[in-house]
PDB file of all heavy atoms in Angstrom:
ATOM      1  N   GLU A   1      49.326  22.945 182.310  1.00  0.00           N
ATOM      2  CA  GLU A   1      49.396  21.504 182.566  1.00  0.00           C
ATOM      3  C   GLU A   1      50.185  21.168 183.829  1.00  0.00           C
ATOM      4  O   GLU A   1      49.906  20.153 184.482  1.00  0.00           O
ATOM      5  CB  GLU A   1      50.035  20.779 181.371  1.00  0.00           C
ATOM      6  CG  GLU A   1      49.166  20.684 180.185  1.00  0.00           C
ATOM      7  CD  GLU A   1      49.845  20.072 178.945  1.00  0.00           C
ATOM      8  OE1 GLU A   1      51.103  19.882 179.010  1.00  0.00           O
ATOM      9  OE2 GLU A   1      49.169  19.807 177.968  1.00  0.00           O
ATOM     10  N   ALA A   2      51.098  22.057 184.243  1.00  0.00           N
ATOM     11  CA  ALA A   2      51.842  21.884 185.452  1.00  0.00           C
ATOM     12  C   ALA A   2      51.080  22.304 186.692  1.00  0.00           C
ATOM     13  O   ALA A   2      51.554  22.132 187.802  1.00  0.00           O
ATOM     14  CB  ALA A   2      53.155  22.677 185.367  1.00  0.00           C
ATOM     15  N   GLY A   3      49.836  22.813 186.486  1.00  0.00           N
ATOM     16  CA  GLY A   3      48.983  23.175 187.613  1.00  0.00           C
ATOM     17  C   GLY A   3      48.989  24.632 187.985  1.00  0.00           C
ATOM     18  O   GLY A   3      48.369  25.009 188.967  1.00  0.00           O
ATOM     19  N   GLU A   4      49.622  25.474 187.183  1.00  0.00           N
ATOM     20  CA  GLU A   4      49.595  26.909 187.430  1.00  0.00           C
ATOM     21  C   GLU A   4      48.167  27.399 187.242  1.00  0.00           C
ATOM     22  O   GLU A   4      47.450  26.912 186.369  1.00  0.00           O
ATOM     23  CB  GLU A   4      50.540  27.591 186.435  1.00  0.00           C
ATOM     24  CG  GLU A   4      50.889  28.992 186.752  1.00  0.00           C
ATOM     25  CD  GLU A   4      51.869  29.133 187.920  1.00  0.00           C
ATOM     26  OE1 GLU A   4      52.704  28.258 188.158  1.00  0.00           O
ATOM     27  OE2 GLU A   4      51.770  30.161 188.603  1.00  0.00           O
ATOM     28  N   SER A   5      47.770  28.351 188.026  1.00  0.00           N
ATOM     29  CA  SER A   5      46.411  28.873 187.917  1.00  0.00           C
ATOM     30  C   SER A   5      46.218  29.700 186.652  1.00  0.00           C
ATOM     31  O   SER A   5      47.178  30.336 186.177  1.00  0.00           O
ATOM     32  CB  SER A   5      46.054  29.752 189.123  1.00  0.00           C
ATOM     33  OG  SER A   5      46.730  31.003 189.034  1.00  0.00           O
ATOM     34  N   VAL A   6      45.029  29.694 186.112  1.00  0.00           N
ATOM     35  CA  VAL A   6      44.712  30.482 184.919  1.00  0.00           C
ATOM     36  C   VAL A   6      44.951  31.932 185.179  1.00  0.00           C
ATOM     37  O   VAL A   6      45.491  32.658 184.322  1.00  0.00           O
ATOM     38  CB  VAL A   6      43.240  30.189 184.463  1.00  0.00           C
ATOM     39  CG1 VAL A   6      42.786  31.170 183.391  1.00  0.00           C
ATOM     40  CG2 VAL A   6      43.132  28.773 183.993  1.00  0.00           C
ATOM     41  N   GLU A   7      44.596  32.384 186.372  1.00  0.00           N
ATOM     42  CA  GLU A   7      44.806  33.805 186.738  1.00  0.00           C
ATOM     43  C   GLU A   7      46.261  34.171 186.756  1.00  0.00           C
ATOM     44  O   GLU A   7      46.670  35.253 186.317  1.00  0.00           O
ATOM     45  CB  GLU A   7      44.146  34.137 188.089  1.00  0.00           C
ATOM     46  CG  GLU A   7      42.618  34.061 188.083  1.00  0.00           C
ATOM     47  CD  GLU A   7      42.087  32.627 188.132  1.00  0.00           C
ATOM     48  OE1 GLU A   7      42.859  31.680 188.456  1.00  0.00           O
ATOM     49  OE2 GLU A   7      40.882  32.474 187.869  1.00  0.00           O
ATOM     50  N   GLY A   8      47.093  33.277 187.309  1.00  0.00           N
ATOM     51  CA  GLY A   8      48.534  33.525 187.359  1.00  0.00           C
ATOM     52  C   GLY A   8      49.169  33.572 185.990  1.00  0.00           C
ATOM     53  O   GLY A   8      50.040  34.431 185.680  1.00  0.00           O
ATOM     54  N   ILE A   9      48.761  32.642 185.123  1.00  0.00           N
ATOM     55  CA  ILE A   9      49.307  32.648 183.744  1.00  0.00           C
ATOM     56  C   ILE A   9      48.870  33.918 183.036  1.00  0.00           C
ATOM     57  O   ILE A   9      49.669  34.552 182.330  1.00  0.00           O
ATOM     58  CB  ILE A   9      48.801  31.387 182.992  1.00  0.00           C
ATOM     59  CG1 ILE A   9      49.320  30.119 183.662  1.00  0.00           C
ATOM     60  CG2 ILE A   9      49.224  31.437 181.531  1.00  0.00           C
ATOM     61  CD1 ILE A   9      48.695  28.841 183.168  1.00  0.00           C
ATOM     62  N   ALA A  10      47.612  34.277 183.205  1.00  0.00           N
ATOM     63  CA  ALA A  10      47.095  35.542 182.560  1.00  0.00           C
ATOM     64  C   ALA A  10      47.911  36.705 183.021  1.00  0.00           C
ATOM     65  O   ALA A  10      48.275  37.558 182.182  1.00  0.00           O
ATOM     66  CB  ALA A  10      45.606  35.688 182.876  1.00  0.00           C
ATOM     67  N   TYR A  11      48.203  36.806 184.272  1.00  0.00           N
ATOM     68  CA  TYR A  11      48.974  37.913 184.807  1.00  0.00           C
ATOM     69  C   TYR A  11      50.390  37.940 184.232  1.00  0.00           C
ATOM     70  O   TYR A  11      50.891  38.996 183.807  1.00  0.00           O
ATOM     71  CB  TYR A  11      48.988  37.861 186.325  1.00  0.00           C
ATOM     72  CG  TYR A  11      49.820  38.981 186.934  1.00  0.00           C
ATOM     73  CD1 TYR A  11      49.288  40.229 187.112  1.00  0.00           C
ATOM     74  CD2 TYR A  11      51.127  38.705 187.360  1.00  0.00           C
ATOM     75  CE1 TYR A  11      50.071  41.246 187.657  1.00  0.00           C
ATOM     76  CE2 TYR A  11      51.923  39.735 187.934  1.00  0.00           C
ATOM     77  CZ  TYR A  11      51.360  40.999 188.066  1.00  0.00           C
ATOM     78  OH  TYR A  11      52.113  42.003 188.582  1.00  0.00           O
ATOM     79  N   ASP A  12      50.973  36.770 184.190  1.00  0.00           N
ATOM     80  CA  ASP A  12      52.373  36.661 183.710  1.00  0.00           C
ATOM     81  C   ASP A  12      52.515  37.078 182.247  1.00  0.00           C
ATOM     82  O   ASP A  12      53.540  37.634 181.855  1.00  0.00           O
ATOM     83  CB  ASP A  12      52.907  35.244 183.822  1.00  0.00           C
ATOM     84  CG  ASP A  12      53.156  34.862 185.270  1.00  0.00           C
ATOM     85  OD1 ASP A  12      53.266  35.743 186.133  1.00  0.00           O
ATOM     86  OD2 ASP A  12      53.305  33.646 185.525  1.00  0.00           O
ATOM     87  N   PHE A  13      51.484  36.807 181.422  1.00  0.00           N
ATOM     88  CA  PHE A  13      51.590  37.057 179.995  1.00  0.00           C
ATOM     89  C   PHE A  13      50.679  38.153 179.477  1.00  0.00           C
ATOM     90  O   PHE A  13      50.454  38.243 178.268  1.00  0.00           O
ATOM     91  CB  PHE A  13      51.319  35.734 179.241  1.00  0.00           C
ATOM     92  CG  PHE A  13      52.368  34.710 179.511  1.00  0.00           C
ATOM     93  CD1 PHE A  13      52.054  33.509 180.133  1.00  0.00           C
ATOM     94  CD2 PHE A  13      53.702  34.888 179.107  1.00  0.00           C
ATOM     95  CE1 PHE A  13      52.994  32.557 180.384  1.00  0.00           C
ATOM     96  CE2 PHE A  13      54.654  33.957 179.368  1.00  0.00           C
ATOM     97  CZ  PHE A  13      54.326  32.780 180.010  1.00  0.00           C
ATOM     98  N   ASP A  14      50.166  38.984 180.379  1.00  0.00           N
ATOM     99  CA  ASP A  14      49.364  40.124 180.027  1.00  0.00           C
ATOM    100  C   ASP A  14      48.158  39.707 179.161  1.00  0.00           C
ATOM    101  O   ASP A  14      47.935  40.249 178.101  1.00  0.00           O
ATOM    102  CB  ASP A  14      50.197  41.174 179.291  1.00  0.00           C
ATOM    103  CG  ASP A  14      49.497  42.539 179.228  1.00  0.00           C
ATOM    104  OD1 ASP A  14      48.677  42.796 180.145  1.00  0.00           O
ATOM    105  OD2 ASP A  14      49.766  43.290 178.292  1.00  0.00           O
ATOM    106  N   MET A  15      47.436  38.695 179.674  1.00  0.00           N
ATOM    107  CA  MET A  15      46.265  38.215 179.034  1.00  0.00           C
ATOM    108  C   MET A  15      45.121  38.203 180.082  1.00  0.00           C
ATOM    109  O   MET A  15      45.395  38.406 181.250  1.00  0.00           O
ATOM    110  CB  MET A  15      46.457  36.764 178.497  1.00  0.00           C
ATOM    111  CG  MET A  15      47.525  36.677 177.462  1.00  0.00           C
ATOM    112  SD  MET A  15      47.964  34.923 177.071  1.00  0.00           S
ATOM    113  CE  MET A  15      46.493  34.418 176.195  1.00  0.00           C
ATOM    114  N   THR A  16      43.894  37.983 179.611  1.00  0.00           N
ATOM    115  CA  THR A  16      42.809  37.873 180.553  1.00  0.00           C
ATOM    116  C   THR A  16      42.691  36.357 180.901  1.00  0.00           C
ATOM    117  O   THR A  16      43.096  35.507 180.106  1.00  0.00           O
ATOM    118  CB  THR A  16      41.472  38.329 179.980  1.00  0.00           C
ATOM    119  OG1 THR A  16      41.120  37.455 178.885  1.00  0.00           O
ATOM    120  CG2 THR A  16      41.575  39.781 179.504  1.00  0.00           C
ATOM    121  N   PRO A  17      42.142  36.058 182.084  1.00  0.00           N
ATOM    122  CA  PRO A  17      41.927  34.625 182.432  1.00  0.00           C
ATOM    123  C   PRO A  17      41.039  33.937 181.395  1.00  0.00           C
ATOM    124  O   PRO A  17      41.248  32.755 181.096  1.00  0.00           O
ATOM    125  CB  PRO A  17      41.262  34.687 183.795  1.00  0.00           C
ATOM    126  CG  PRO A  17      41.741  35.982 184.399  1.00  0.00           C
ATOM    127  CD  PRO A  17      41.868  36.918 183.252  1.00  0.00           C
ATOM    128  N   GLU A  18      40.075  34.649 180.859  1.00  0.00           N
ATOM    129  CA  GLU A  18      39.192  34.058 179.812  1.00  0.00           C
ATOM    130  C   GLU A  18      39.976  33.684 178.563  1.00  0.00           C
ATOM    131  O   GLU A  18      39.709  32.643 177.930  1.00  0.00           O
ATOM    132  CB  GLU A  18      38.086  35.020 179.468  1.00  0.00           C
ATOM    133  CG  GLU A  18      37.077  35.300 180.576  1.00  0.00           C
ATOM    134  CD  GLU A  18      37.577  36.282 181.627  1.00  0.00           C
ATOM    135  OE1 GLU A  18      38.528  37.077 181.335  1.00  0.00           O
ATOM    136  OE2 GLU A  18      37.066  36.245 182.721  1.00  0.00           O
ATOM    137  N   GLN A  19      40.965  34.497 178.181  1.00  0.00           N
ATOM    138  CA  GLN A  19      41.782  34.181 177.027  1.00  0.00           C
ATOM    139  C   GLN A  19      42.651  32.943 177.307  1.00  0.00           C
ATOM    140  O   GLN A  19      42.759  32.096 176.431  1.00  0.00           O
ATOM    141  CB  GLN A  19      42.679  35.351 176.687  1.00  0.00           C
ATOM    142  CG  GLN A  19      41.951  36.540 176.056  1.00  0.00           C
ATOM    143  CD  GLN A  19      42.856  37.684 175.811  1.00  0.00           C
ATOM    144  OE1 GLN A  19      43.664  38.068 176.690  1.00  0.00           O
ATOM    145  NE2 GLN A  19      42.771  38.325 174.658  1.00  0.00           N
ATOM    146  N   VAL A  20      43.229  32.864 178.470  1.00  0.00           N
ATOM    147  CA  VAL A  20      44.053  31.698 178.809  1.00  0.00           C
ATOM    148  C   VAL A  20      43.222  30.457 178.812  1.00  0.00           C
ATOM    149  O   VAL A  20      43.599  29.404 178.264  1.00  0.00           O
ATOM    150  CB  VAL A  20      44.781  31.895 180.170  1.00  0.00           C
ATOM    151  CG1 VAL A  20      45.469  30.630 180.613  1.00  0.00           C
ATOM    152  CG2 VAL A  20      45.749  33.046 180.094  1.00  0.00           C
ATOM    153  N   ASP A  21      42.042  30.524 179.412  1.00  0.00           N
ATOM    154  CA  ASP A  21      41.160  29.370 179.468  1.00  0.00           C
ATOM    155  C   ASP A  21      40.751  28.936 178.063  1.00  0.00           C
ATOM    156  O   ASP A  21      40.772  27.732 177.729  1.00  0.00           O
ATOM    157  CB  ASP A  21      39.928  29.708 180.300  1.00  0.00           C
ATOM    158  CG  ASP A  21      39.033  28.513 180.523  1.00  0.00           C
ATOM    159  OD1 ASP A  21      39.537  27.507 181.091  1.00  0.00           O
ATOM    160  OD2 ASP A  21      37.832  28.586 180.131  1.00  0.00           O
ATOM    161  N   ALA A  22      40.392  29.870 177.228  1.00  0.00           N
ATOM    162  CA  ALA A  22      39.941  29.562 175.838  1.00  0.00           C
ATOM    163  C   ALA A  22      41.117  28.927 175.071  1.00  0.00           C
ATOM    164  O   ALA A  22      40.931  27.973 174.318  1.00  0.00           O
ATOM    165  CB  ALA A  22      39.471  30.811 175.136  1.00  0.00           C
ATOM    166  N   LEU A  23      42.315  29.455 175.237  1.00  0.00           N
ATOM    167  CA  LEU A  23      43.473  28.915 174.541  1.00  0.00           C
ATOM    168  C   LEU A  23      43.770  27.485 175.016  1.00  0.00           C
ATOM    169  O   LEU A  23      43.973  26.570 174.180  1.00  0.00           O
ATOM    170  CB  LEU A  23      44.689  29.827 174.803  1.00  0.00           C
ATOM    171  CG  LEU A  23      45.978  29.404 174.127  1.00  0.00           C
ATOM    172  CD1 LEU A  23      45.843  29.460 172.603  1.00  0.00           C
ATOM    173  CD2 LEU A  23      47.103  30.250 174.606  1.00  0.00           C
ATOM    174  N   CYS A  24      43.771  27.251 176.312  1.00  0.00           N
ATOM    175  CA  CYS A  24      44.053  25.911 176.820  1.00  0.00           C
ATOM    176  C   CYS A  24      42.985  24.913 176.420  1.00  0.00           C
ATOM    177  O   CYS A  24      43.304  23.772 176.069  1.00  0.00           O
ATOM    178  CB  CYS A  24      44.217  25.958 178.339  1.00  0.00           C
ATOM    179  SG  CYS A  24      45.670  26.891 178.864  1.00  0.00           S
ATOM    180  N   ARG A  25      41.726  25.344 176.416  1.00  0.00           N
ATOM    181  CA  ARG A  25      40.646  24.449 175.933  1.00  0.00           C
ATOM    182  C   ARG A  25      40.814  24.080 174.480  1.00  0.00           C
ATOM    183  O   ARG A  25      40.561  22.953 174.065  1.00  0.00           O
ATOM    184  CB  ARG A  25      39.288  25.076 176.168  1.00  0.00           C
ATOM    185  CG  ARG A  25      38.858  25.136 177.609  1.00  0.00           C
ATOM    186  CD  ARG A  25      37.494  25.831 177.729  1.00  0.00           C
ATOM    187  NE  ARG A  25      37.135  26.030 179.087  1.00  0.00           N
ATOM    188  CZ  ARG A  25      36.455  25.119 179.809  1.00  0.00           C
ATOM    189  NH1 ARG A  25      36.076  23.989 179.285  1.00  0.00           N
ATOM    190  NH2 ARG A  25      36.144  25.369 181.084  1.00  0.00           N
ATOM    191  N   ALA A  26      41.237  25.040 173.694  1.00  0.00           N
ATOM    192  CA  ALA A  26      41.474  24.789 172.243  1.00  0.00           C
ATOM    193  C   ALA A  26      42.596  23.774 172.045  1.00  0.00           C
ATOM    194  O   ALA A  26      42.481  22.883 171.197  1.00  0.00           O
ATOM    195  CB  ALA A  26      41.777  26.100 171.524  1.00  0.00           C
ATOM    196  N   VAL A  27      43.642  23.921 172.831  1.00  0.00           N
ATOM    197  CA  VAL A  27      44.768  22.995 172.711  1.00  0.00           C
ATOM    198  C   VAL A  27      44.344  21.587 173.098  1.00  0.00           C
ATOM    199  O   VAL A  27      44.701  20.588 172.451  1.00  0.00           O
ATOM    200  CB  VAL A  27      45.977  23.494 173.544  1.00  0.00           C
ATOM    201  CG1 VAL A  27      47.038  22.422 173.633  1.00  0.00           C
ATOM    202  CG2 VAL A  27      46.553  24.742 172.913  1.00  0.00           C
TER     203      VAL A  27
END
């Protein structure tokens, strides 16, 4: 929500960008 890229968040938390995107869409 703060504008961080999906790729950056995925890297920070050892996730794939697809997982981050799916999680954020669900929320």
